[in-house]
Amino acid sequence: MKENSVSLRTRLLFVDEDENSRHHFCENLRDDNLMIQTVQNGGDALERLKNFPADIVMLSINGDGPTLPEEIRTCVPGAFTVAVVDSDAPEETVKAMKLGGL
């Protein structure tokens, strides 16, 4: 009888509009314990999460609306969401925190 195996790999979804950023993110985080998928924007992220229930979602808040972190939590309630701020401006950091990211 064949035994069913459960993957203990952490599923991570990285959302960034820049293709080079997505590529380098994957290259720098190669790990046998991670399953990484990337998408370009928030709409693609929500679509991907239907079939890839990520444990961690990292996203840039620059181009996506303020409701995206909440929409992600609705789609995958247990997901840990990290909002990446591509700016040194304190107001952008505050904005990310208000959106529920870390």
PDB file of N, CA and C in Angstrom:
ATOM      1  N   MET A   1       0.843  -1.184   0.000  1.00  0.00           N
ATOM      2  CA  MET A   1       0.000   0.000   0.000  1.00  0.00           C
ATOM      3  C   MET A   1       0.885   1.242   0.000  1.00  0.00           C
ATOM      4  N   LYS A   2       0.591   2.155  -0.893  1.00  0.00           N
ATOM      5  CA  LYS A   2       1.381   3.372  -1.007  1.00  0.00           C
ATOM      6  C   LYS A   2       0.949   4.378   0.059  1.00  0.00           C
ATOM      7  N   GLU A   3       1.933   4.942   0.749  1.00  0.00           N
ATOM      8  CA  GLU A   3       1.664   5.899   1.807  1.00  0.00           C
ATOM      9  C   GLU A   3       1.499   7.303   1.224  1.00  0.00           C
ATOM     10  N   ASN A   4       0.488   8.021   1.681  1.00  0.00           N
ATOM     11  CA  ASN A   4       0.304   9.406   1.240  1.00  0.00           C
ATOM     12  C   ASN A   4       1.337  10.285   1.924  1.00  0.00           C
ATOM     13  N   SER A   5       1.932  11.183   1.168  1.00  0.00           N
ATOM     14  CA  SER A   5       2.912  12.088   1.770  1.00  0.00           C
ATOM     15  C   SER A   5       2.354  13.503   1.787  1.00  0.00           C
ATOM     16  N   VAL A   6       2.652  14.201   2.852  1.00  0.00           N
ATOM     17  CA  VAL A   6       2.230  15.577   3.008  1.00  0.00           C
ATOM     18  C   VAL A   6       3.463  16.450   2.890  1.00  0.00           C
ATOM     19  N   SER A   7       3.385  17.461   2.064  1.00  0.00           N
ATOM     20  CA  SER A   7       4.506  18.359   1.899  1.00  0.00           C
ATOM     21  C   SER A   7       4.576  19.308   3.083  1.00  0.00           C
ATOM     22  N   LEU A   8       5.753  19.407   3.663  1.00  0.00           N
ATOM     23  CA  LEU A   8       5.958  20.323   4.774  1.00  0.00           C
ATOM     24  C   LEU A   8       6.650  21.598   4.295  1.00  0.00           C
ATOM     25  N   ARG A   9       6.705  21.772   3.012  1.00  0.00           N
ATOM     26  CA  ARG A   9       7.352  22.954   2.453  1.00  0.00           C
ATOM     27  C   ARG A   9       6.464  24.180   2.629  1.00  0.00           C
ATOM     28  N   THR A  10       7.072  25.276   2.965  1.00  0.00           N
ATOM     29  CA  THR A  10       6.359  26.542   3.112  1.00  0.00           C
ATOM     30  C   THR A  10       6.093  27.120   1.729  1.00  0.00           C
ATOM     31  N   ARG A  11       4.840  27.517   1.501  1.00  0.00           N
ATOM     32  CA  ARG A  11       4.450  28.110   0.220  1.00  0.00           C
ATOM     33  C   ARG A  11       4.536  29.624   0.351  1.00  0.00           C
ATOM     34  N   LEU A  12       5.323  30.237  -0.529  1.00  0.00           N
ATOM     35  CA  LEU A  12       5.537  31.677  -0.497  1.00  0.00           C
ATOM     36  C   LEU A  12       5.170  32.270  -1.857  1.00  0.00           C
ATOM     37  N   LEU A  13       4.346  33.303  -1.829  1.00  0.00           N
ATOM     38  CA  LEU A  13       3.984  34.022  -3.050  1.00  0.00           C
ATOM     39  C   LEU A  13       4.604  35.405  -2.983  1.00  0.00           C
ATOM     40  N   PHE A  14       5.396  35.757  -4.004  1.00  0.00           N
ATOM     41  CA  PHE A  14       6.066  37.047  -4.069  1.00  0.00           C
ATOM     42  C   PHE A  14       5.416  37.872  -5.163  1.00  0.00           C
ATOM     43  N   VAL A  15       4.918  39.061  -4.810  1.00  0.00           N
ATOM     44  CA  VAL A  15       4.196  39.929  -5.740  1.00  0.00           C
ATOM     45  C   VAL A  15       5.019  41.191  -5.966  1.00  0.00           C
ATOM     46  N   ASP A  16       5.477  41.373  -7.198  1.00  0.00           N
ATOM     47  CA  ASP A  16       6.242  42.580  -7.531  1.00  0.00           C
ATOM     48  C   ASP A  16       6.112  42.830  -9.021  1.00  0.00           C
ATOM     49  N   GLU A  17       5.918  44.081  -9.386  1.00  0.00           N
ATOM     50  CA  GLU A  17       5.735  44.407 -10.807  1.00  0.00           C
ATOM     51  C   GLU A  17       7.012  44.271 -11.619  1.00  0.00           C
ATOM     52  N   ASP A  18       8.163  44.310 -10.955  1.00  0.00           N
ATOM     53  CA  ASP A  18       9.439  44.261 -11.659  1.00  0.00           C
ATOM     54  C   ASP A  18       9.901  42.816 -11.862  1.00  0.00           C
ATOM     55  N   GLU A  19      10.047  42.423 -13.120  1.00  0.00           N
ATOM     56  CA  GLU A  19      10.439  41.051 -13.451  1.00  0.00           C
ATOM     57  C   GLU A  19      11.808  40.689 -12.869  1.00  0.00           C
ATOM     58  N   ASN A  20      12.761  41.627 -12.923  1.00  0.00           N
ATOM     59  CA  ASN A  20      14.088  41.363 -12.365  1.00  0.00           C
ATOM     60  C   ASN A  20      14.028  41.118 -10.863  1.00  0.00           C
ATOM     61  N   SER A  21      13.201  41.871 -10.166  1.00  0.00           N
ATOM     62  CA  SER A  21      13.045  41.673  -8.723  1.00  0.00           C
ATOM     63  C   SER A  21      12.501  40.286  -8.424  1.00  0.00           C
ATOM     64  N   ARG A  22      11.503  39.866  -9.206  1.00  0.00           N
ATOM     65  CA  ARG A  22      10.931  38.527  -9.007  1.00  0.00           C
ATOM     66  C   ARG A  22      11.980  37.451  -9.252  1.00  0.00           C
ATOM     67  N   HIS A  23      12.753  37.617 -10.311  1.00  0.00           N
ATOM     68  CA  HIS A  23      13.794  36.638 -10.649  1.00  0.00           C
ATOM     69  C   HIS A  23      14.850  36.561  -9.543  1.00  0.00           C
ATOM     70  N   HIS A  24      15.362  37.712  -9.116  1.00  0.00           N
ATOM     71  CA  HIS A  24      16.405  37.728  -8.086  1.00  0.00           C
ATOM     72  C   HIS A  24      15.889  37.224  -6.745  1.00  0.00           C
ATOM     73  N   PHE A  25      14.644  37.506  -6.442  1.00  0.00           N
ATOM     74  CA  PHE A  25      14.052  37.005  -5.206  1.00  0.00           C
ATOM     75  C   PHE A  25      14.101  35.481  -5.183  1.00  0.00           C
ATOM     76  N   CYS A  26      13.677  34.872  -6.277  1.00  0.00           N
ATOM     77  CA  CYS A  26      13.685  33.398  -6.353  1.00  0.00           C
ATOM     78  C   CYS A  26      15.102  32.846  -6.301  1.00  0.00           C
ATOM     79  N   GLU A  27      15.998  33.461  -7.017  1.00  0.00           N
ATOM     80  CA  GLU A  27      17.387  32.993  -7.041  1.00  0.00           C
ATOM     81  C   GLU A  27      18.033  33.063  -5.664  1.00  0.00           C
ATOM     82  N   ASN A  28      17.759  34.132  -4.927  1.00  0.00           N
ATOM     83  CA  ASN A  28      18.399  34.334  -3.628  1.00  0.00           C
ATOM     84  C   ASN A  28      17.756  33.533  -2.510  1.00  0.00           C
ATOM     85  N   LEU A  29      16.540  33.036  -2.716  1.00  0.00           N
ATOM     86  CA  LEU A  29      15.866  32.289  -1.660  1.00  0.00           C
ATOM     87  C   LEU A  29      15.691  30.812  -1.990  1.00  0.00           C
ATOM     88  N   ARG A  30      16.530  30.288  -2.834  1.00  0.00           N
ATOM     89  CA  ARG A  30      16.432  28.853  -3.142  1.00  0.00           C
ATOM     90  C   ARG A  30      16.614  28.048  -1.870  1.00  0.00           C
ATOM     91  N   ASP A  31      15.640  27.205  -1.594  1.00  0.00           N
ATOM     92  CA  ASP A  31      15.668  26.410  -0.379  1.00  0.00           C
ATOM     93  C   ASP A  31      14.731  25.225  -0.584  1.00  0.00           C
ATOM     94  N   ASP A  32      15.153  24.058  -0.137  1.00  0.00           N
ATOM     95  CA  ASP A  32      14.323  22.872  -0.294  1.00  0.00           C
ATOM     96  C   ASP A  32      13.032  22.948   0.517  1.00  0.00           C
ATOM     97  N   ASN A  33      13.004  23.826   1.514  1.00  0.00           N
ATOM     98  CA  ASN A  33      11.828  23.934   2.366  1.00  0.00           C
ATOM     99  C   ASN A  33      10.839  24.990   1.899  1.00  0.00           C
ATOM    100  N   LEU A  34      11.139  25.642   0.769  1.00  0.00           N
ATOM    101  CA  LEU A  34      10.267  26.685   0.228  1.00  0.00           C
ATOM    102  C   LEU A  34       9.747  26.317  -1.158  1.00  0.00           C
ATOM    103  N   MET A  35       8.476  26.568  -1.360  1.00  0.00           N
ATOM    104  CA  MET A  35       7.877  26.518  -2.695  1.00  0.00           C
ATOM    105  C   MET A  35       7.547  27.969  -3.018  1.00  0.00           C
ATOM    106  N   ILE A  36       8.249  28.557  -3.973  1.00  0.00           N
ATOM    107  CA  ILE A  36       8.055  29.968  -4.293  1.00  0.00           C
ATOM    108  C   ILE A  36       7.391  30.118  -5.653  1.00  0.00           C
ATOM    109  N   GLN A  37       6.369  30.958  -5.681  1.00  0.00           N
ATOM    110  CA  GLN A  37       5.763  31.365  -6.932  1.00  0.00           C
ATOM    111  C   GLN A  37       5.729  32.887  -6.942  1.00  0.00           C
ATOM    112  N   THR A  38       5.769  33.459  -8.133  1.00  0.00           N
ATOM    113  CA  THR A  38       5.762  34.919  -8.255  1.00  0.00           C
ATOM    114  C   THR A  38       4.676  35.352  -9.226  1.00  0.00           C
ATOM    115  N   VAL A  39       4.175  36.552  -8.988  1.00  0.00           N
ATOM    116  CA  VAL A  39       3.210  37.183  -9.892  1.00  0.00           C
ATOM    117  C   VAL A  39       3.527  38.663  -9.981  1.00  0.00           C
ATOM    118  N   GLN A  40       2.962  39.308 -10.973  1.00  0.00           N
ATOM    119  CA  GLN A  40       3.290  40.701 -11.276  1.00  0.00           C
ATOM    120  C   GLN A  40       2.463  41.720 -10.492  1.00  0.00           C
ATOM    121  N   ASN A  41       1.217  41.375 -10.141  1.00  0.00           N
ATOM    122  CA  ASN A  41       0.362  42.386  -9.506  1.00  0.00           C
ATOM    123  C   ASN A  41      -0.666  41.742  -8.583  1.00  0.00           C
ATOM    124  N   GLY A  42      -1.428  42.607  -7.915  1.00  0.00           N
ATOM    125  CA  GLY A  42      -2.402  42.132  -6.945  1.00  0.00           C
ATOM    126  C   GLY A  42      -3.490  41.263  -7.537  1.00  0.00           C
ATOM    127  N   GLY A  43      -3.976  41.632  -8.712  1.00  0.00           N
ATOM    128  CA  GLY A  43      -4.998  40.820  -9.371  1.00  0.00           C
ATOM    129  C   GLY A  43      -4.492  39.423  -9.675  1.00  0.00           C
ATOM    130  N   ASP A  44      -3.261  39.343 -10.186  1.00  0.00           N
ATOM    131  CA  ASP A  44      -2.655  38.036 -10.453  1.00  0.00           C
ATOM    132  C   ASP A  44      -2.454  37.262  -9.156  1.00  0.00           C
ATOM    133  N   ALA A  45      -2.112  37.966  -8.077  1.00  0.00           N
ATOM    134  CA  ALA A  45      -1.905  37.311  -6.779  1.00  0.00           C
ATOM    135  C   ALA A  45      -3.199  36.653  -6.301  1.00  0.00           C
ATOM    136  N   LEU A  46      -4.286  37.386  -6.364  1.00  0.00           N
ATOM    137  CA  LEU A  46      -5.563  36.834  -5.908  1.00  0.00           C
ATOM    138  C   LEU A  46      -5.975  35.632  -6.744  1.00  0.00           C
ATOM    139  N   GLU A  47      -5.710  35.701  -8.038  1.00  0.00           N
ATOM    140  CA  GLU A  47      -6.015  34.562  -8.917  1.00  0.00           C
ATOM    141  C   GLU A  47      -5.137  33.355  -8.575  1.00  0.00           C
ATOM    142  N   ARG A  48      -3.841  33.588  -8.371  1.00  0.00           N
ATOM    143  CA  ARG A  48      -2.907  32.500  -8.068  1.00  0.00           C
ATOM    144  C   ARG A  48      -3.235  31.841  -6.721  1.00  0.00           C
ATOM    145  N   LEU A  49      -3.668  32.641  -5.755  1.00  0.00           N
ATOM    146  CA  LEU A  49      -3.963  32.113  -4.426  1.00  0.00           C
ATOM    147  C   LEU A  49      -5.126  31.125  -4.420  1.00  0.00           C
ATOM    148  N   LYS A  50      -5.933  31.139  -5.469  1.00  0.00           N
ATOM    149  CA  LYS A  50      -7.036  30.172  -5.567  1.00  0.00           C
ATOM    150  C   LYS A  50      -6.493  28.747  -5.679  1.00  0.00           C
ATOM    151  N   ASN A  51      -5.334  28.594  -6.335  1.00  0.00           N
ATOM    152  CA  ASN A  51      -4.751  27.265  -6.548  1.00  0.00           C
ATOM    153  C   ASN A  51      -3.441  27.063  -5.792  1.00  0.00           C
ATOM    154  N   PHE A  52      -2.940  28.104  -5.185  1.00  0.00           N
ATOM    155  CA  PHE A  52      -1.663  28.060  -4.464  1.00  0.00           C
ATOM    156  C   PHE A  52      -1.871  28.800  -3.132  1.00  0.00           C
ATOM    157  N   PRO A  53      -2.477  28.119  -2.158  1.00  0.00           N
ATOM    158  CA  PRO A  53      -2.763  28.777  -0.878  1.00  0.00           C
ATOM    159  C   PRO A  53      -1.471  29.031  -0.098  1.00  0.00           C
ATOM    160  N   ALA A  54      -0.894  30.181  -0.329  1.00  0.00           N
ATOM    161  CA  ALA A  54       0.415  30.507   0.239  1.00  0.00           C
ATOM    162  C   ALA A  54       0.351  30.643   1.759  1.00  0.00           C
ATOM    163  N   ASP A  55       1.438  30.256   2.388  1.00  0.00           N
ATOM    164  CA  ASP A  55       1.603  30.462   3.827  1.00  0.00           C
ATOM    165  C   ASP A  55       2.079  31.888   4.092  1.00  0.00           C
ATOM    166  N   ILE A  56       2.882  32.408   3.154  1.00  0.00           N
ATOM    167  CA  ILE A  56       3.443  33.749   3.253  1.00  0.00           C
ATOM    168  C   ILE A  56       3.225  34.452   1.918  1.00  0.00           C
ATOM    169  N   VAL A  57       2.755  35.694   1.984  1.00  0.00           N
ATOM    170  CA  VAL A  57       2.613  36.521   0.782  1.00  0.00           C
ATOM    171  C   VAL A  57       3.422  37.791   1.016  1.00  0.00           C
ATOM    172  N   MET A  58       4.405  38.017   0.151  1.00  0.00           N
ATOM    173  CA  MET A  58       5.201  39.247   0.201  1.00  0.00           C
ATOM    174  C   MET A  58       4.789  40.086  -0.989  1.00  0.00           C
ATOM    175  N   LEU A  59       4.452  41.356  -0.733  1.00  0.00           N
ATOM    176  CA  LEU A  59       3.992  42.192  -1.817  1.00  0.00           C
ATOM    177  C   LEU A  59       4.495  43.611  -1.688  1.00  0.00           C
ATOM    178  N   SER A  60       4.657  44.228  -2.840  1.00  0.00           N
ATOM    179  CA  SER A  60       4.982  45.641  -2.914  1.00  0.00           C
ATOM    180  C   SER A  60       3.662  46.396  -2.919  1.00  0.00           C
ATOM    181  N   ILE A  61       3.559  47.422  -2.089  1.00  0.00           N
ATOM    182  CA  ILE A  61       2.287  48.157  -2.028  1.00  0.00           C
ATOM    183  C   ILE A  61       2.237  49.310  -3.007  1.00  0.00           C
ATOM    184  N   ASN A  62       3.288  49.509  -3.781  1.00  0.00           N
ATOM    185  CA  ASN A  62       3.374  50.679  -4.656  1.00  0.00           C
ATOM    186  C   ASN A  62       2.203  50.797  -5.621  1.00  0.00           C
ATOM    187  N   GLY A  63       1.954  49.762  -6.411  1.00  0.00           N
ATOM    188  CA  GLY A  63       0.942  49.891  -7.448  1.00  0.00           C
ATOM    189  C   GLY A  63      -0.408  49.327  -7.083  1.00  0.00           C
ATOM    190  N   ASP A  64      -0.475  48.528  -6.048  1.00  0.00           N
ATOM    191  CA  ASP A  64      -1.726  47.865  -5.710  1.00  0.00           C
ATOM    192  C   ASP A  64      -2.515  48.677  -4.688  1.00  0.00           C
ATOM    193  N   GLY A  65      -3.806  48.526  -4.769  1.00  0.00           N
ATOM    194  CA  GLY A  65      -4.682  49.308  -3.910  1.00  0.00           C
ATOM    195  C   GLY A  65      -4.582  48.955  -2.443  1.00  0.00           C
ATOM    196  N   PRO A  66      -5.154  49.802  -1.614  1.00  0.00           N
ATOM    197  CA  PRO A  66      -5.065  49.631  -0.177  1.00  0.00           C
ATOM    198  C   PRO A  66      -5.841  48.439   0.356  1.00  0.00           C
ATOM    199  N   THR A  67      -6.677  47.830  -0.455  1.00  0.00           N
ATOM    200  CA  THR A  67      -7.462  46.692   0.033  1.00  0.00           C
ATOM    201  C   THR A  67      -6.777  45.352  -0.204  1.00  0.00           C
ATOM    202  N   LEU A  68      -5.662  45.322  -0.908  1.00  0.00           N
ATOM    203  CA  LEU A  68      -5.038  44.054  -1.277  1.00  0.00           C
ATOM    204  C   LEU A  68      -4.687  43.166  -0.081  1.00  0.00           C
ATOM    205  N   PRO A  69      -4.020  43.664   0.962  1.00  0.00           N
ATOM    206  CA  PRO A  69      -3.722  42.767   2.097  1.00  0.00           C
ATOM    207  C   PRO A  69      -4.986  42.143   2.692  1.00  0.00           C
ATOM    208  N   GLU A  70      -6.055  42.916   2.790  1.00  0.00           N
ATOM    209  CA  GLU A  70      -7.304  42.376   3.331  1.00  0.00           C
ATOM    210  C   GLU A  70      -7.905  41.326   2.390  1.00  0.00           C
ATOM    211  N   GLU A  71      -7.827  41.585   1.090  1.00  0.00           N
ATOM    212  CA  GLU A  71      -8.329  40.613   0.112  1.00  0.00           C
ATOM    213  C   GLU A  71      -7.530  39.315   0.180  1.00  0.00           C
ATOM    214  N   ILE A  72      -6.225  39.422   0.394  1.00  0.00           N
ATOM    215  CA  ILE A  72      -5.379  38.234   0.525  1.00  0.00           C
ATOM    216  C   ILE A  72      -5.796  37.438   1.753  1.00  0.00           C
ATOM    217  N   ARG A  73      -6.009  38.126   2.869  1.00  0.00           N
ATOM    218  CA  ARG A  73      -6.408  37.437   4.101  1.00  0.00           C
ATOM    219  C   ARG A  73      -7.779  36.785   3.954  1.00  0.00           C
ATOM    220  N   THR A  74      -8.654  37.364   3.138  1.00  0.00           N
ATOM    221  CA  THR A  74      -9.956  36.761   2.881  1.00  0.00           C
ATOM    222  C   THR A  74      -9.796  35.500   2.047  1.00  0.00           C
ATOM    223  N   CYS A  75      -8.919  35.569   1.065  1.00  0.00           N
ATOM    224  CA  CYS A  75      -8.686  34.447   0.156  1.00  0.00           C
ATOM    225  C   CYS A  75      -7.965  33.292   0.863  1.00  0.00           C
ATOM    226  N   VAL A  76      -6.970  33.626   1.663  1.00  0.00           N
ATOM    227  CA  VAL A  76      -6.178  32.635   2.403  1.00  0.00           C
ATOM    228  C   VAL A  76      -6.059  33.136   3.850  1.00  0.00           C
ATOM    229  N   PRO A  77      -7.055  32.825   4.690  1.00  0.00           N
ATOM    230  CA  PRO A  77      -7.109  33.388   6.042  1.00  0.00           C
ATOM    231  C   PRO A  77      -5.861  33.183   6.896  1.00  0.00           C
ATOM    232  N   GLY A  78      -5.152  32.108   6.718  1.00  0.00           N
ATOM    233  CA  GLY A  78      -3.978  31.851   7.544  1.00  0.00           C
ATOM    234  C   GLY A  78      -2.677  32.415   7.010  1.00  0.00           C
ATOM    235  N   ALA A  79      -2.739  33.107   5.883  1.00  0.00           N
ATOM    236  CA  ALA A  79      -1.513  33.605   5.257  1.00  0.00           C
ATOM    237  C   ALA A  79      -0.909  34.754   6.066  1.00  0.00           C
ATOM    238  N   PHE A  80       0.402  34.727   6.177  1.00  0.00           N
ATOM    239  CA  PHE A  80       1.163  35.804   6.797  1.00  0.00           C
ATOM    240  C   PHE A  80       1.513  36.772   5.680  1.00  0.00           C
ATOM    241  N   THR A  81       1.081  38.023   5.791  1.00  0.00           N
ATOM    242  CA  THR A  81       1.282  39.007   4.732  1.00  0.00           C
ATOM    243  C   THR A  81       2.366  39.997   5.116  1.00  0.00           C
ATOM    244  N   VAL A  82       3.320  40.178   4.209  1.00  0.00           N
ATOM    245  CA  VAL A  82       4.402  41.136   4.416  1.00  0.00           C
ATOM    246  C   VAL A  82       4.330  42.153   3.291  1.00  0.00           C
ATOM    247  N   ALA A  83       4.143  43.423   3.650  1.00  0.00           N
ATOM    248  CA  ALA A  83       4.116  44.491   2.662  1.00  0.00           C
ATOM    249  C   ALA A  83       5.509  45.092   2.555  1.00  0.00           C
ATOM    250  N   VAL A  84       6.072  45.041   1.363  1.00  0.00           N
ATOM    251  CA  VAL A  84       7.409  45.575   1.111  1.00  0.00           C
ATOM    252  C   VAL A  84       7.267  47.006   0.600  1.00  0.00           C
ATOM    253  N   VAL A  85       7.975  47.922   1.221  1.00  0.00           N
ATOM    254  CA  VAL A  85       7.919  49.320   0.831  1.00  0.00           C
ATOM    255  C   VAL A  85       9.185  49.650   0.053  1.00  0.00           C
ATOM    256  N   ASP A  86       9.007  50.151  -1.153  1.00  0.00           N
ATOM    257  CA  ASP A  86      10.141  50.487  -2.012  1.00  0.00           C
ATOM    258  C   ASP A  86      10.428  51.984  -1.935  1.00  0.00           C
ATOM    259  N   SER A  87      10.578  52.461  -0.694  1.00  0.00           N
ATOM    260  CA  SER A  87      10.786  53.888  -0.493  1.00  0.00           C
ATOM    261  C   SER A  87      11.396  54.110   0.882  1.00  0.00           C
ATOM    262  N   ASP A  88      12.170  55.183   1.003  1.00  0.00           N
ATOM    263  CA  ASP A  88      12.723  55.554   2.298  1.00  0.00           C
ATOM    264  C   ASP A  88      11.797  56.504   3.055  1.00  0.00           C
ATOM    265  N   ALA A  89      10.730  56.907   2.430  1.00  0.00           N
ATOM    266  CA  ALA A  89       9.828  57.886   3.030  1.00  0.00           C
ATOM    267  C   ALA A  89       9.042  57.274   4.190  1.00  0.00           C
ATOM    268  N   PRO A  90       9.080  57.890   5.361  1.00  0.00           N
ATOM    269  CA  PRO A  90       8.358  57.360   6.527  1.00  0.00           C
ATOM    270  C   PRO A  90       6.866  57.181   6.278  1.00  0.00           C
ATOM    271  N   GLU A  91       6.267  58.059   5.477  1.00  0.00           N
ATOM    272  CA  GLU A  91       4.825  57.946   5.238  1.00  0.00           C
ATOM    273  C   GLU A  91       4.477  56.661   4.482  1.00  0.00           C
ATOM    274  N   GLU A  92       5.391  56.179   3.647  1.00  0.00           N
ATOM    275  CA  GLU A  92       5.157  54.915   2.938  1.00  0.00           C
ATOM    276  C   GLU A  92       5.206  53.731   3.909  1.00  0.00           C
ATOM    277  N   THR A  93       6.105  53.791   4.875  1.00  0.00           N
ATOM    278  CA  THR A  93       6.196  52.743   5.888  1.00  0.00           C
ATOM    279  C   THR A  93       4.923  52.724   6.733  1.00  0.00           C
ATOM    280  N   VAL A  94       4.455  53.881   7.128  1.00  0.00           N
ATOM    281  CA  VAL A  94       3.221  53.982   7.906  1.00  0.00           C
ATOM    282  C   VAL A  94       2.047  53.444   7.091  1.00  0.00           C
ATOM    283  N   LYS A  95       2.012  53.767   5.815  1.00  0.00           N
ATOM    284  CA  LYS A  95       0.952  53.281   4.931  1.00  0.00           C
ATOM    285  C   LYS A  95       0.940  51.750   4.903  1.00  0.00           C
ATOM    286  N   ALA A  96       2.120  51.140   4.770  1.00  0.00           N
ATOM    287  CA  ALA A  96       2.217  49.682   4.744  1.00  0.00           C
ATOM    288  C   ALA A  96       1.708  49.078   6.052  1.00  0.00           C
ATOM    289  N   MET A  97       2.075  49.691   7.153  1.00  0.00           N
ATOM    290  CA  MET A  97       1.648  49.172   8.465  1.00  0.00           C
ATOM    291  C   MET A  97       0.121  49.287   8.612  1.00  0.00           C
ATOM    292  N   LYS A  98      -0.450  50.383   8.145  1.00  0.00           N
ATOM    293  CA  LYS A  98      -1.893  50.560   8.231  1.00  0.00           C
ATOM    294  C   LYS A  98      -2.650  49.562   7.371  1.00  0.00           C
ATOM    295  N   LEU A  99      -1.994  49.100   6.311  1.00  0.00           N
ATOM    296  CA  LEU A  99      -2.613  48.113   5.422  1.00  0.00           C
ATOM    297  C   LEU A  99      -2.521  46.704   5.987  1.00  0.00           C
ATOM    298  N   GLY A 100      -1.856  46.562   7.104  1.00  0.00           N
ATOM    299  CA  GLY A 100      -1.779  45.259   7.741  1.00  0.00           C
ATOM    300  C   GLY A 100      -0.524  44.486   7.432  1.00  0.00           C
ATOM    301  N   GLY A 101       0.404  45.075   6.742  1.00  0.00           N
ATOM    302  CA  GLY A 101       1.677  44.401   6.459  1.00  0.00           C
ATOM    303  C   GLY A 101       2.663  44.643   7.559  1.00  0.00           C
ATOM    304  N   LEU A 102       3.778  43.953   7.465  1.00  0.00           N
ATOM    305  CA  LEU A 102       4.860  44.136   8.439  1.00  0.00           C
ATOM    306  C   LEU A 102       6.058  44.729   7.757  1.00  0.00           C
TER     307      LEU A 102
END
